[in-house]
Structure formats: structure tokens, C-alpha cells
């Protein structure tokens, strides 16, 4: 039988652990999911200019990722 935490979406679980920081079981389930689910990987800035334009580079990277998935 699934616990109530396992039935929650990741966003719901995050909201729960934000309000109930003492709940170790919920926090552990959240960590397990965060580790198991692949996250987004962004290329590191190569130059100072890249760093100063990081928000633009990030937006371009997300757009390219969306185009590739279509």
C-alpha cells in the first residue's frame, strides 16, 4: 500500500515538507525522488561574457531542448 507521500506529486511533496520540516519520512521520499528523476543539465559558461549573459544562454538552451523534443 502506498503512503500518502508516495501518492503526492513532487510539487505537492515539496510544499508539504516546506510546511512540515520535522517530517523525516516525507523528506527522505522527496530526496529519493529528486535523485531518481533526471534533472536539467546546462552547459557551464566558458567566458566572462557567457557569465554576464547567462540568463539569455539559459533561455536559448531551454528553447533548443523544447525544439529537439518535438
Protein backbone atom coordinates (compact mmCIF):
# COMPACT_ATOMS: atom_id res chain seq x y z
CA UNK A 1 0.00 0.00 0.00
CA UNK A 2 1.34 3.42 -0.96
CA UNK A 3 1.87 6.00 1.74
CA UNK A 4 0.25 9.39 1.32
CA UNK A 5 3.68 10.81 0.43
CA UNK A 6 4.24 8.35 -2.39
CA UNK A 7 0.86 9.31 -3.85
CA UNK A 8 1.77 13.02 -3.89
CA UNK A 9 3.35 14.72 -6.89
CA UNK A 10 6.85 16.06 -6.43
CA UNK A 11 5.50 19.62 -6.19
CA UNK A 12 2.90 18.63 -3.59
CA UNK A 13 5.54 16.81 -1.58
CA UNK A 14 7.85 19.83 -1.70
CA UNK A 15 5.04 22.01 -0.40
CA UNK A 16 4.37 19.53 2.39
CA UNK A 17 7.98 19.30 3.55
CA UNK A 18 8.31 23.08 3.43
CA UNK A 19 5.49 23.32 5.98
CA UNK A 20 6.45 20.20 7.97
CA UNK A 21 10.25 20.37 8.16
CA UNK A 22 10.38 17.88 11.03
CA UNK A 23 8.84 15.05 8.94
CA UNK A 24 11.88 12.90 8.17
CA UNK A 25 9.94 10.25 6.23
CA UNK A 26 8.45 12.79 3.81
CA UNK A 27 11.85 14.44 3.37
CA UNK A 28 13.51 11.10 2.60
CA UNK A 29 10.87 10.24 -0.02
CA UNK A 30 11.39 13.67 -1.59
CA UNK A 31 15.18 13.14 -1.70
CA UNK A 32 14.75 9.68 -3.20
CA UNK A 33 12.61 11.14 -5.98
CA UNK A 34 14.97 14.04 -6.60
CA UNK A 35 17.89 11.64 -7.02
CA UNK A 36 15.93 9.18 -9.17
CA UNK A 37 14.45 11.73 -11.58
CA UNK A 38 16.86 13.22 -14.09
CA UNK A 39 17.28 16.96 -13.81
CA UNK A 40 18.23 19.54 -16.38
CA UNK A 41 21.91 19.91 -17.22
CA UNK A 42 23.12 23.21 -18.58
CA UNK A 43 26.46 23.93 -20.18
CA UNK A 44 28.84 25.89 -17.97
CA UNK A 45 29.74 29.43 -19.04
CA UNK A 46 33.02 29.39 -20.97
CA UNK A 47 33.87 33.10 -20.81
CA UNK A 48 33.13 36.18 -18.73
CA UNK A 49 30.76 37.29 -21.50
CA UNK A 50 28.91 33.99 -21.20
CA UNK A 51 28.58 34.54 -17.48
CA UNK A 52 27.21 38.05 -17.88
CA UNK A 53 24.71 36.77 -20.47
CA UNK A 54 23.83 33.59 -18.60
CA UNK A 55 20.09 34.24 -18.43
CA UNK A 56 19.98 34.60 -22.23
CA UNK A 57 22.08 31.45 -22.72
CA UNK A 58 19.79 29.55 -20.35
CA UNK A 59 16.69 30.67 -22.26
CA UNK A 60 18.31 29.63 -25.57
CA UNK A 61 19.25 26.24 -24.13
CA UNK A 62 15.67 25.64 -22.94
CA UNK A 63 14.26 26.68 -26.33
CA UNK A 64 16.65 24.33 -28.15
CA UNK A 65 15.71 21.50 -25.81
CA UNK A 66 11.99 22.06 -26.50
CA UNK A 67 12.59 22.09 -30.26
CA UNK A 68 14.53 18.82 -30.10
CA UNK A 69 11.76 17.12 -28.13
CA UNK A 70 9.11 17.97 -30.74
